[in-house]
C-alpha cells in the first residue's frame, strides 16, 4: 500500500484540527449549560468586546476614508459601537436584563404572528406552524414572567446551546472529512496497483 501523499496528510491535519475545535466547543457548551449564570456574563462581556473592537476598527476605516461622502456616517456608527461596547462591558447584568426582555418580546410577537398566520392562511404546514407559534408564545411568556431573574440563565443557555451545536457540527465535519480523504486515497492506491499489474503483464496476455 502506498504512503499517504503530502496533500492527504495536510487535509487530515486540517480536519483533525476541526474535530479538536469542535470538541472544545462541545465541552464549553456543556460547561455553559451547567453554569448558565457564568455563561450569561461571559456572553455579555464577549458581546461588549466585539462591539468595542468593531467600533475601533470602523473608526480607523472611517479616518482612512476621510474626504468621502460616507466619512461622518462611518464615524457616527463607529462611535455608537464603541459607546455600546463600553456600556455592555461596564454593566453586563443590566445588558443581560435588557436583552432578555427583548428576546421575550421577540418570542411573544413571533409566536402570535405564527398562530394568527397559520389560522388565516391554513396552508399545508398549518399544524407545524401552529406548534411553532404555540411554543414561541409559551417560551416568551415563561421568560417574561420570570424576568429579571430569567436574565441570569436565558442568554447563557442560548449561548451554550449555540456552542454545543456548532461543536457537534465541526466534529461531524472533521470526522467525515477524514473518512473522505481516506476513501479517496484508498481508491487512488487501488487504481495505481491495478495499472501496475496491467503494465507488467506479458503483452501476449493483453487484449
Protein backbone atom coordinates (compact mmCIF):
# COMPACT_ATOMS: atom_id res chain seq x y z
CA UNK A 1 0.00 0.00 0.00
CA UNK A 2 1.37 3.44 -0.95
CA UNK A 3 2.15 6.05 1.68
CA UNK A 4 -0.28 9.00 2.05
CA UNK A 5 0.67 11.98 -0.06
CA UNK A 6 1.58 15.36 1.39
CA UNK A 7 -1.82 16.68 0.37
CA UNK A 8 -3.55 13.82 2.19
CA UNK A 9 -1.57 14.50 5.35
CA UNK A 10 -2.35 18.20 5.14
CA UNK A 11 -6.06 17.56 4.74
CA UNK A 12 -6.05 15.04 7.60
CA UNK A 13 -4.35 17.58 9.86
CA UNK A 14 -6.86 20.26 8.87
CA UNK A 15 -9.84 18.02 9.56
CA UNK A 16 -8.19 16.89 12.78
CA UNK A 17 -7.93 20.49 13.95
CA UNK A 18 -11.61 20.98 13.07
CA UNK A 19 -12.51 17.96 15.18
CA UNK A 20 -10.43 19.25 18.09
CA UNK A 21 -12.02 22.69 17.87
CA UNK A 22 -15.46 21.07 17.78
CA UNK A 23 -14.66 19.02 20.88
CA UNK A 24 -13.54 22.17 22.72
CA UNK A 25 -16.76 23.95 21.73
CA UNK A 26 -18.84 20.99 22.92
CA UNK A 27 -17.03 20.99 26.27
CA UNK A 28 -17.55 24.76 26.59
CA UNK A 29 -21.23 24.36 25.71
CA UNK A 30 -21.77 21.64 28.30
CA UNK A 31 -19.99 23.69 30.97
CA UNK A 32 -22.10 26.70 30.00
CA UNK A 33 -25.31 24.70 30.37
CA UNK A 34 -24.22 23.68 33.86
CA UNK A 35 -23.15 27.21 34.86
CA UNK A 36 -25.65 29.34 32.93
CA UNK A 37 -25.03 32.43 35.05
CA UNK A 38 -21.33 32.43 34.21
CA UNK A 39 -22.17 31.74 30.55
CA UNK A 40 -24.53 34.73 30.51
CA UNK A 41 -21.91 37.11 31.88
CA UNK A 42 -19.29 35.65 29.55
CA UNK A 43 -21.52 36.11 26.51
CA UNK A 44 -22.26 39.71 27.53
CA UNK A 45 -18.58 40.53 28.01
CA UNK A 46 -17.75 38.89 24.69
CA UNK A 47 -20.54 40.84 23.02
CA UNK A 48 -19.27 44.08 24.55
CA UNK A 49 -15.69 43.50 23.44
CA UNK A 50 -16.86 42.62 19.93
CA UNK A 51 -18.76 45.91 19.77
CA UNK A 52 -15.78 47.83 21.12
CA UNK A 53 -13.24 46.26 18.76
CA UNK A 54 -15.61 46.55 15.82
CA UNK A 55 -16.18 50.21 16.63
CA UNK A 56 -12.44 50.91 16.81
CA UNK A 57 -11.84 49.14 13.50
CA UNK A 58 -14.72 51.05 11.93
CA UNK A 59 -13.35 54.33 13.27
CA UNK A 60 -9.91 53.62 11.80
CA UNK A 61 -11.52 52.72 8.48
CA UNK A 62 -13.57 55.94 8.55
CA UNK A 63 -10.44 58.01 9.25
CA UNK A 64 -8.64 56.36 6.35
CA UNK A 65 -11.56 57.18 4.04
CA UNK A 66 -11.93 60.81 5.17
CA UNK A 67 -12.97 63.14 2.43
CA UNK A 68 -15.61 60.75 1.09
CA UNK A 69 -19.36 61.19 1.36
CA UNK A 70 -19.65 58.42 3.96
CA UNK A 71 -16.97 59.71 6.37
CA UNK A 72 -19.29 61.16 9.01
CA UNK A 73 -21.70 58.23 8.75
CA UNK A 74 -18.81 55.84 9.42
CA UNK A 75 -17.64 57.97 12.36
CA UNK A 76 -21.12 58.05 13.91
CA UNK A 77 -21.65 54.30 13.52
CA UNK A 78 -18.21 53.56 14.95
CA UNK A 79 -18.80 55.91 17.88
CA UNK A 80 -22.13 54.24 18.64
CA UNK A 81 -20.50 50.80 18.57
CA UNK A 82 -17.70 51.96 20.87
CA UNK A 83 -20.18 53.55 23.30
CA UNK A 84 -22.39 50.46 23.30
CA UNK A 85 -19.38 48.22 23.85
CA UNK A 86 -18.23 50.28 26.84
CA UNK A 87 -21.72 50.21 28.36
CA UNK A 88 -22.06 46.45 27.91
CA UNK A 89 -18.61 45.78 29.42
CA UNK A 90 -19.29 48.04 32.41
CA UNK A 91 -22.86 46.83 33.02
CA UNK A 92 -23.16 43.20 31.81
CA UNK A 93 -26.01 42.39 34.22
CA UNK A 94 -28.18 45.30 33.07
CA UNK A 95 -27.43 44.49 29.44
CA UNK A 96 -28.44 40.88 30.02
CA UNK A 97 -31.73 42.01 31.55
CA UNK A 98 -32.47 44.32 28.61
CA UNK A 99 -31.59 41.68 26.00
CA UNK A 100 -33.64 39.05 27.84
CA UNK A 101 -36.66 41.33 27.80
CA UNK A 102 -36.08 41.93 24.08
CA UNK A 103 -35.81 38.18 23.45
CA UNK A 104 -39.03 37.54 25.37
CA UNK A 105 -40.87 40.14 23.29
CA UNK A 106 -39.48 38.59 20.11
CA UNK A 107 -40.73 35.16 21.18
CA UNK A 108 -44.14 36.59 22.01
CA UNK A 109 -44.61 38.54 18.79
CA UNK A 110 -43.20 35.72 16.66
CA UNK A 111 -45.49 33.19 18.32
CA UNK A 112 -48.57 35.39 17.90
CA UNK A 113 -47.80 36.08 14.23
CA UNK A 114 -47.28 32.38 13.53
CA UNK A 115 -50.52 31.43 15.27
CA UNK A 116 -52.58 34.10 13.50
CA UNK A 117 -50.89 33.48 10.15
CA UNK A 118 -51.43 29.73 10.29
CA UNK A 119 -55.13 30.18 11.11
CA UNK A 120 -55.65 32.78 8.38
CA UNK A 121 -53.63 31.09 5.62
CA UNK A 122 -54.47 27.45 6.51
CA UNK A 123 -51.65 26.08 4.38
CA UNK A 124 -50.36 22.50 4.20
CA UNK A 125 -47.95 23.19 7.08
CA UNK A 126 -50.66 24.59 9.34
CA UNK A 127 -50.13 22.07 12.14
CA UNK A 128 -46.38 22.58 12.25
CA UNK A 129 -46.77 26.38 12.14
CA UNK A 130 -49.33 26.24 14.96
CA UNK A 131 -46.93 24.18 17.04
CA UNK A 132 -44.08 26.64 16.40
CA UNK A 133 -46.30 29.58 17.28
CA UNK A 134 -47.55 27.99 20.48
CA UNK A 135 -44.01 27.08 21.52
CA UNK A 136 -42.72 30.60 20.85
CA UNK A 137 -45.64 32.15 22.73
CA UNK A 138 -45.17 29.84 25.71
CA UNK A 139 -41.41 30.42 25.80
CA UNK A 140 -41.88 34.19 25.64
CA UNK A 141 -44.39 34.11 28.50
CA UNK A 142 -42.14 31.93 30.65
CA UNK A 143 -39.17 34.23 30.14
CA UNK A 144 -41.27 37.35 30.70
CA UNK A 145 -42.99 36.13 33.87
CA UNK A 146 -39.63 35.20 35.42
CA UNK A 147 -37.94 38.45 34.41
CA UNK A 148 -35.47 39.85 35.59
CA UNK A 149 -34.38 36.58 37.20
CA UNK A 150 -34.63 34.84 33.83
CA UNK A 151 -31.82 37.10 32.55
CA UNK A 152 -29.40 35.06 34.67
CA UNK A 153 -29.86 31.90 32.60
CA UNK A 154 -31.74 32.54 29.34
CA UNK A 155 -28.92 34.16 27.34
CA UNK A 156 -26.32 31.83 28.84
CA UNK A 157 -28.44 28.84 27.89
CA UNK A 158 -28.83 30.07 24.30
CA UNK A 159 -25.12 30.87 24.08
CA UNK A 160 -24.15 27.45 25.43
CA UNK A 161 -26.54 25.64 23.10
CA UNK A 162 -25.07 27.52 20.14
CA UNK A 163 -21.57 26.45 21.20
CA UNK A 164 -22.73 22.86 21.68
CA UNK A 165 -24.39 22.50 18.28
CA UNK A 166 -21.57 24.34 16.48
CA UNK A 167 -19.09 21.99 18.14
CA UNK A 168 -21.07 18.92 17.13
CA UNK A 169 -21.22 20.22 13.57
CA UNK A 170 -17.45 20.74 13.47
CA UNK A 171 -16.83 17.27 14.90
CA UNK A 172 -19.08 15.72 12.25
CA UNK A 173 -17.34 17.76 9.53
CA UNK A 174 -13.87 16.78 10.75
CA UNK A 175 -14.62 13.07 11.06
CA UNK A 176 -16.47 12.99 7.74
CA UNK A 177 -13.65 14.85 6.02
CA UNK A 178 -11.02 12.43 7.28
CA UNK A 179 -13.12 9.49 6.08
CA UNK A 180 -13.50 11.04 2.63
CA UNK A 181 -9.74 11.63 2.41
CA UNK A 182 -9.10 8.00 3.39
CA UNK A 183 -11.60 6.72 0.83
CA UNK A 184 -10.10 8.85 -1.96
CA UNK A 185 -6.58 7.74 -1.01
CA UNK A 186 -7.68 4.07 -0.97
CA UNK A 187 -9.29 4.32 -4.40
CA UNK A 188 -6.24 6.08 -5.79
CA UNK A 189 -3.93 3.39 -4.39
CA UNK A 190 -6.18 0.65 -5.80
CA UNK A 191 -6.14 2.28 -9.21
CA UNK A 192 -2.36 2.56 -9.13
CA UNK A 193 -1.96 -1.12 -8.21
CA UNK A 194 -4.34 -2.15 -10.99
CA UNK A 195 -2.43 -0.02 -13.51
CA UNK A 196 0.86 -1.50 -12.34
CA UNK A 197 -0.35 -5.07 -12.79
CA UNK A 198 -1.64 -4.29 -16.28
CA UNK A 199 1.59 -2.63 -17.38
CA UNK A 200 3.79 -5.50 -16.11
CA UNK A 201 1.75 -8.34 -17.61
CA UNK A 202 3.07 -10.09 -20.79
CA UNK A 203 1.95 -8.48 -23.99
CA UNK A 204 0.62 -11.74 -25.32
CA UNK A 205 -1.95 -11.90 -22.50
CA UNK A 206 -3.23 -8.39 -23.06
CA UNK A 207 -6.18 -7.88 -25.35
